[in-house]
Amino acid sequence: MTFTLRPAVEADLPALRLLMNRAIDTLLLPWLDAAQVRASHAIMGLDTQLIADRTYFVVTSDDAFAGCGGWSRRATLYGGDHSTDLREPRLLDPAAEPARVRAMYTDPAFVRRGIGRMILEACEQAARTEGFSAAELMATLAGEPLYARAGYRPIERVTDATGGAPVPLIRMRKSL
């Protein structure tokens, strides 16, 4: 199976939303109860600012969307368009602040094939190119193993109950 990584474009939005919903609903189940998975939709999802900034990627296999994810030079750490209380559009200072890795999702039909690693490496390279020397992200329990293998270390464990149930999250950081 061949995978192709490319920048996401606005025409990808419907497919990205479907992929994200499938990933949240399926891949979080071994880690969270049903109420926490439902609540995860309130704090996760598509941030179209990443696509507008041209810092979001999609991985395809033939015509199928296998995964997506990106990075940001903005201060928002996590959340989608609907998470207005989490959004902080301020541009980061690459000399003093870490880039943000954002909105990483793999379609359940394509897990364990290196898609997350492919996207993560593209994000880190792009952030380095723009002068960032570190990256931070907010991981789910399901994502933490991937990020730990890639060299990210936990710096804070938090719980976000915005969606009505407590969802555990891990703020992680890596030097680039």
C-alpha atoms as a PDB file:
ATOM      1  CA  MET A   1       0.000   0.000   0.000  1.00  0.00           C
ATOM      2  CA  THR A   2       1.369   3.418  -0.990  1.00  0.00           C
ATOM      3  CA  PHE A   3       0.688   6.557   1.037  1.00  0.00           C
ATOM      4  CA  THR A   4       0.957  10.111  -0.237  1.00  0.00           C
ATOM      5  CA  LEU A   5       1.287  13.137   2.031  1.00  0.00           C
ATOM      6  CA  ARG A   6       0.141  16.516   0.741  1.00  0.00           C
ATOM      7  CA  PRO A   7      -1.106  19.831   2.132  1.00  0.00           C
ATOM      8  CA  ALA A   8      -4.819  19.819   2.890  1.00  0.00           C
ATOM      9  CA  VAL A   9      -7.056  22.178   0.928  1.00  0.00           C
ATOM     10  CA  GLU A  10     -10.542  23.537   1.543  1.00  0.00           C
ATOM     11  CA  ALA A  11     -12.073  20.952  -0.818  1.00  0.00           C
ATOM     12  CA  ASP A  12     -10.894  18.257   1.630  1.00  0.00           C
ATOM     13  CA  LEU A  13     -13.063  19.548   4.498  1.00  0.00           C
ATOM     14  CA  PRO A  14     -16.000  17.096   4.188  1.00  0.00           C
ATOM     15  CA  ALA A  15     -13.689  14.064   4.001  1.00  0.00           C
ATOM     16  CA  LEU A  16     -11.566  15.361   6.886  1.00  0.00           C
ATOM     17  CA  ARG A  17     -14.616  15.796   9.120  1.00  0.00           C
ATOM     18  CA  LEU A  18     -15.726  12.221   8.411  1.00  0.00           C
ATOM     19  CA  LEU A  19     -12.238  10.843   9.058  1.00  0.00           C
ATOM     20  CA  MET A  20     -11.966  12.725  12.364  1.00  0.00           C
ATOM     21  CA  ASN A  21     -15.361  11.543  13.571  1.00  0.00           C
ATOM     22  CA  ARG A  22     -14.525   7.921  12.728  1.00  0.00           C
ATOM     23  CA  ALA A  23     -11.170   8.205  14.492  1.00  0.00           C
ATOM     24  CA  ILE A  24     -12.647   9.764  17.637  1.00  0.00           C
ATOM     25  CA  ASP A  25     -15.562   7.326  17.811  1.00  0.00           C
ATOM     26  CA  THR A  26     -13.443   4.222  17.210  1.00  0.00           C
ATOM     27  CA  LEU A  27      -9.864   4.742  18.321  1.00  0.00           C
ATOM     28  CA  LEU A  28     -10.627   6.296  21.715  1.00  0.00           C
ATOM     29  CA  LEU A  29     -12.918   3.445  22.836  1.00  0.00           C
ATOM     30  CA  PRO A  30     -10.152   1.254  24.305  1.00  0.00           C
ATOM     31  CA  TRP A  31      -9.017   4.233  26.424  1.00  0.00           C
ATOM     32  CA  LEU A  32     -12.221   6.059  27.381  1.00  0.00           C
ATOM     33  CA  ASP A  33     -15.781   5.173  28.313  1.00  0.00           C
ATOM     34  CA  ALA A  34     -18.681   6.007  25.972  1.00  0.00           C
ATOM     35  CA  ALA A  35     -19.491   9.323  27.724  1.00  0.00           C
ATOM     36  CA  GLN A  36     -15.861  10.451  27.461  1.00  0.00           C
ATOM     37  CA  VAL A  37     -15.744   9.554  23.765  1.00  0.00           C
ATOM     38  CA  ARG A  38     -18.900  11.618  23.162  1.00  0.00           C
ATOM     39  CA  ALA A  39     -17.393  14.480  25.178  1.00  0.00           C
ATOM     40  CA  SER A  40     -14.214  14.299  23.105  1.00  0.00           C
ATOM     41  CA  HIS A  41     -16.104  15.720  20.131  1.00  0.00           C
ATOM     42  CA  ALA A  42     -16.506  19.003  22.053  1.00  0.00           C
ATOM     43  CA  ILE A  43     -12.735  19.485  22.384  1.00  0.00           C
ATOM     44  CA  MET A  44     -11.429  17.805  19.243  1.00  0.00           C
ATOM     45  CA  GLY A  45     -12.034  18.190  15.553  1.00  0.00           C
ATOM     46  CA  LEU A  46     -11.267  20.321  12.562  1.00  0.00           C
ATOM     47  CA  ASP A  47      -9.541  23.692  12.947  1.00  0.00           C
ATOM     48  CA  THR A  48      -9.851  25.289   9.528  1.00  0.00           C
ATOM     49  CA  GLN A  49      -7.277  27.942  10.510  1.00  0.00           C
ATOM     50  CA  LEU A  50      -4.628  25.228  10.000  1.00  0.00           C
ATOM     51  CA  ILE A  51      -5.787  24.718   6.418  1.00  0.00           C
ATOM     52  CA  ALA A  52      -5.906  28.482   5.807  1.00  0.00           C
ATOM     53  CA  ASP A  53      -2.366  28.743   7.194  1.00  0.00           C
ATOM     54  CA  ARG A  54      -1.283  25.854   4.911  1.00  0.00           C
ATOM     55  CA  THR A  55       0.126  23.919   7.874  1.00  0.00           C
ATOM     56  CA  TYR A  56      -2.244  20.938   7.705  1.00  0.00           C
ATOM     57  CA  PHE A  57      -1.560  17.685   5.884  1.00  0.00           C
ATOM     58  CA  VAL A  58      -3.594  14.804   4.572  1.00  0.00           C
ATOM     59  CA  VAL A  59      -2.329  11.308   3.815  1.00  0.00           C
ATOM     60  CA  THR A  60      -4.088   9.404   1.065  1.00  0.00           C
ATOM     61  CA  SER A  61      -3.947   5.879  -0.242  1.00  0.00           C
ATOM     62  CA  ASP A  62      -5.382   5.754  -3.728  1.00  0.00           C
ATOM     63  CA  ASP A  63      -8.530   7.872  -3.284  1.00  0.00           C
ATOM     64  CA  ALA A  64      -9.009   7.129   0.432  1.00  0.00           C
ATOM     65  CA  PHE A  65      -8.117   9.556   3.197  1.00  0.00           C
ATOM     66  CA  ALA A  66      -5.918   7.558   5.571  1.00  0.00           C
ATOM     67  CA  GLY A  67      -4.954  10.286   8.028  1.00  0.00           C
ATOM     68  CA  CYS A  68      -4.500  13.965   8.690  1.00  0.00           C
ATOM     69  CA  GLY A  69      -2.680  16.285  11.030  1.00  0.00           C
ATOM     70  CA  GLY A  70      -0.710  19.444  11.154  1.00  0.00           C
ATOM     71  CA  TRP A  71       1.242  21.974  13.058  1.00  0.00           C
ATOM     72  CA  SER A  72       0.706  25.612  13.892  1.00  0.00           C
ATOM     73  CA  ARG A  73       2.630  28.790  14.415  1.00  0.00           C
ATOM     74  CA  ARG A  74      -0.358  30.028  16.462  1.00  0.00           C
ATOM     75  CA  ALA A  75      -0.831  29.720  20.224  1.00  0.00           C
ATOM     76  CA  THR A  76      -3.905  27.438  20.150  1.00  0.00           C
ATOM     77  CA  LEU A  77      -2.850  24.083  21.575  1.00  0.00           C
ATOM     78  CA  TYR A  78      -5.915  21.977  20.773  1.00  0.00           C
ATOM     79  CA  GLY A  79      -9.560  22.146  19.753  1.00  0.00           C
ATOM     80  CA  GLY A  80     -11.581  22.611  16.603  1.00  0.00           C
ATOM     81  CA  ASP A  81     -13.519  25.446  15.021  1.00  0.00           C
ATOM     82  CA  HIS A  82     -16.337  24.869  17.518  1.00  0.00           C
ATOM     83  CA  SER A  83     -13.983  25.111  20.538  1.00  0.00           C
ATOM     84  CA  THR A  84     -13.984  28.899  20.660  1.00  0.00           C
ATOM     85  CA  ASP A  85     -12.889  29.056  24.303  1.00  0.00           C
ATOM     86  CA  LEU A  86      -9.687  27.126  23.448  1.00  0.00           C
ATOM     87  CA  ARG A  87      -8.669  29.238  20.469  1.00  0.00           C
ATOM     88  CA  GLU A  88      -5.783  31.677  20.723  1.00  0.00           C
ATOM     89  CA  PRO A  89      -4.867  32.965  17.237  1.00  0.00           C
ATOM     90  CA  ARG A  90      -1.803  34.908  18.402  1.00  0.00           C
ATOM     91  CA  LEU A  91       1.315  34.067  16.382  1.00  0.00           C
ATOM     92  CA  LEU A  92       4.052  32.321  18.370  1.00  0.00           C
ATOM     93  CA  ASP A  93       7.610  33.599  18.665  1.00  0.00           C
ATOM     94  CA  PRO A  94       9.784  30.785  17.216  1.00  0.00           C
ATOM     95  CA  ALA A  95      12.786  31.993  19.228  1.00  0.00           C
ATOM     96  CA  ALA A  96      10.964  31.642  22.553  1.00  0.00           C
ATOM     97  CA  GLU A  97       7.909  29.400  22.122  1.00  0.00           C
ATOM     98  CA  PRO A  98       7.282  25.897  20.784  1.00  0.00           C
ATOM     99  CA  ALA A  99       5.323  25.217  17.622  1.00  0.00           C
ATOM    100  CA  ARG A 100       2.054  23.344  18.113  1.00  0.00           C
ATOM    101  CA  VAL A 101       1.341  19.918  16.641  1.00  0.00           C
ATOM    102  CA  ARG A 102      -2.400  19.807  16.070  1.00  0.00           C
ATOM    103  CA  ALA A 103      -5.364  17.668  15.117  1.00  0.00           C
ATOM    104  CA  MET A 104      -3.679  14.345  14.357  1.00  0.00           C
ATOM    105  CA  TYR A 105      -6.108  11.625  13.212  1.00  0.00           C
ATOM    106  CA  THR A 106      -5.756   8.262  11.507  1.00  0.00           C
ATOM    107  CA  ASP A 107      -8.710   6.554   9.883  1.00  0.00           C
ATOM    108  CA  PRO A 108      -9.401   3.313  11.812  1.00  0.00           C
ATOM    109  CA  ALA A 109      -8.995   1.321   8.581  1.00  0.00           C
ATOM    110  CA  PHE A 110      -5.364   2.508   8.322  1.00  0.00           C
ATOM    111  CA  VAL A 111      -3.975   2.291  11.857  1.00  0.00           C
ATOM    112  CA  ARG A 112      -0.509   0.884  12.559  1.00  0.00           C
ATOM    113  CA  ARG A 113       0.880   1.679   9.108  1.00  0.00           C
ATOM    114  CA  GLY A 114       3.124   4.636   9.918  1.00  0.00           C
ATOM    115  CA  ILE A 115       0.668   7.355   8.945  1.00  0.00           C
ATOM    116  CA  GLY A 116       0.869   9.213  12.259  1.00  0.00           C
ATOM    117  CA  ARG A 117       4.654   9.082  12.182  1.00  0.00           C
ATOM    118  CA  MET A 118       4.701  10.344   8.574  1.00  0.00           C
ATOM    119  CA  ILE A 119       2.544  13.350   9.454  1.00  0.00           C
ATOM    120  CA  LEU A 120       4.443  14.049  12.676  1.00  0.00           C
ATOM    121  CA  GLU A 121       7.784  14.088  10.848  1.00  0.00           C
ATOM    122  CA  ALA A 122       6.395  16.469   8.208  1.00  0.00           C
ATOM    123  CA  CYS A 123       5.102  18.784  10.940  1.00  0.00           C
ATOM    124  CA  GLU A 124       8.396  18.794  12.813  1.00  0.00           C
ATOM    125  CA  GLN A 125      10.396  19.489   9.646  1.00  0.00           C
ATOM    126  CA  ALA A 126       8.111  22.358   8.653  1.00  0.00           C
ATOM    127  CA  ALA A 127       8.314  23.868  12.151  1.00  0.00           C
ATOM    128  CA  ARG A 128      12.123  23.587  12.134  1.00  0.00           C
ATOM    129  CA  THR A 129      12.220  25.296   8.745  1.00  0.00           C
ATOM    130  CA  GLU A 130      10.317  28.240  10.243  1.00  0.00           C
ATOM    131  CA  GLY A 131      12.807  28.538  13.100  1.00  0.00           C
ATOM    132  CA  PHE A 132      11.077  26.628  15.903  1.00  0.00           C
ATOM    133  CA  SER A 133      13.357  24.600  18.165  1.00  0.00           C
ATOM    134  CA  ALA A 134      10.604  22.745  20.052  1.00  0.00           C
ATOM    135  CA  ALA A 135       7.067  21.478  19.550  1.00  0.00           C
ATOM    136  CA  GLU A 136       4.204  20.913  21.956  1.00  0.00           C
ATOM    137  CA  LEU A 137       0.955  19.033  21.582  1.00  0.00           C
ATOM    138  CA  MET A 138      -2.015  17.929  23.626  1.00  0.00           C
ATOM    139  CA  ALA A 139      -2.257  14.154  23.382  1.00  0.00           C
ATOM    140  CA  THR A 140      -5.154  11.843  24.028  1.00  0.00           C
ATOM    141  CA  LEU A 141      -4.488   8.642  25.918  1.00  0.00           C
ATOM    142  CA  ALA A 142      -4.699   6.844  22.568  1.00  0.00           C
ATOM    143  CA  GLY A 143      -2.098   9.135  20.989  1.00  0.00           C
ATOM    144  CA  GLU A 144       0.361   9.248  23.869  1.00  0.00           C
ATOM    145  CA  PRO A 145       2.241   6.040  22.863  1.00  0.00           C
ATOM    146  CA  LEU A 146       2.932   7.369  19.338  1.00  0.00           C
ATOM    147  CA  TYR A 147       4.193  10.680  20.632  1.00  0.00           C
ATOM    148  CA  ALA A 148       6.338   9.053  23.323  1.00  0.00           C
ATOM    149  CA  ARG A 149       7.978   6.828  20.686  1.00  0.00           C
ATOM    150  CA  ALA A 150       8.653   9.969  18.630  1.00  0.00           C
ATOM    151  CA  GLY A 151      10.480  11.615  21.540  1.00  0.00           C
ATOM    152  CA  TYR A 152       7.741  13.721  23.109  1.00  0.00           C
ATOM    153  CA  ARG A 153       7.729  13.839  26.908  1.00  0.00           C
ATOM    154  CA  PRO A 154       4.768  14.591  29.173  1.00  0.00           C
ATOM    155  CA  ILE A 155       4.900  17.974  30.873  1.00  0.00           C
ATOM    156  CA  GLU A 156       1.345  18.209  32.220  1.00  0.00           C
ATOM    157  CA  ARG A 157      -1.685  15.949  32.660  1.00  0.00           C
ATOM    158  CA  VAL A 158      -5.039  17.684  32.523  1.00  0.00           C
ATOM    159  CA  THR A 159      -8.722  16.860  32.318  1.00  0.00           C
ATOM    160  CA  ASP A 160     -11.104  18.722  30.036  1.00  0.00           C
ATOM    161  CA  ALA A 161     -14.787  18.345  30.918  1.00  0.00           C
ATOM    162  CA  THR A 162     -16.103  20.838  28.351  1.00  0.00           C
ATOM    163  CA  GLY A 163     -18.168  18.125  26.664  1.00  0.00           C
ATOM    164  CA  GLY A 164     -19.871  16.991  29.884  1.00  0.00           C
ATOM    165  CA  ALA A 165     -17.522  14.160  30.873  1.00  0.00           C
ATOM    166  CA  PRO A 166     -13.898  14.374  32.008  1.00  0.00           C
ATOM    167  CA  VAL A 167     -11.495  13.641  29.138  1.00  0.00           C
ATOM    168  CA  PRO A 168      -7.876  13.049  30.216  1.00  0.00           C
ATOM    169  CA  LEU A 169      -5.232  14.777  28.093  1.00  0.00           C
ATOM    170  CA  ILE A 170      -1.439  14.992  28.234  1.00  0.00           C
ATOM    171  CA  ARG A 171       0.506  18.093  27.249  1.00  0.00           C
ATOM    172  CA  MET A 172       3.751  16.846  25.679  1.00  0.00           C
ATOM    173  CA  ARG A 173       6.882  18.547  24.373  1.00  0.00           C
ATOM    174  CA  LYS A 174       9.869  17.699  22.205  1.00  0.00           C
ATOM    175  CA  SER A 175      13.020  19.571  21.284  1.00  0.00           C
ATOM    176  CA  LEU A 176      13.406  19.781  17.538  1.00  0.00           C
END
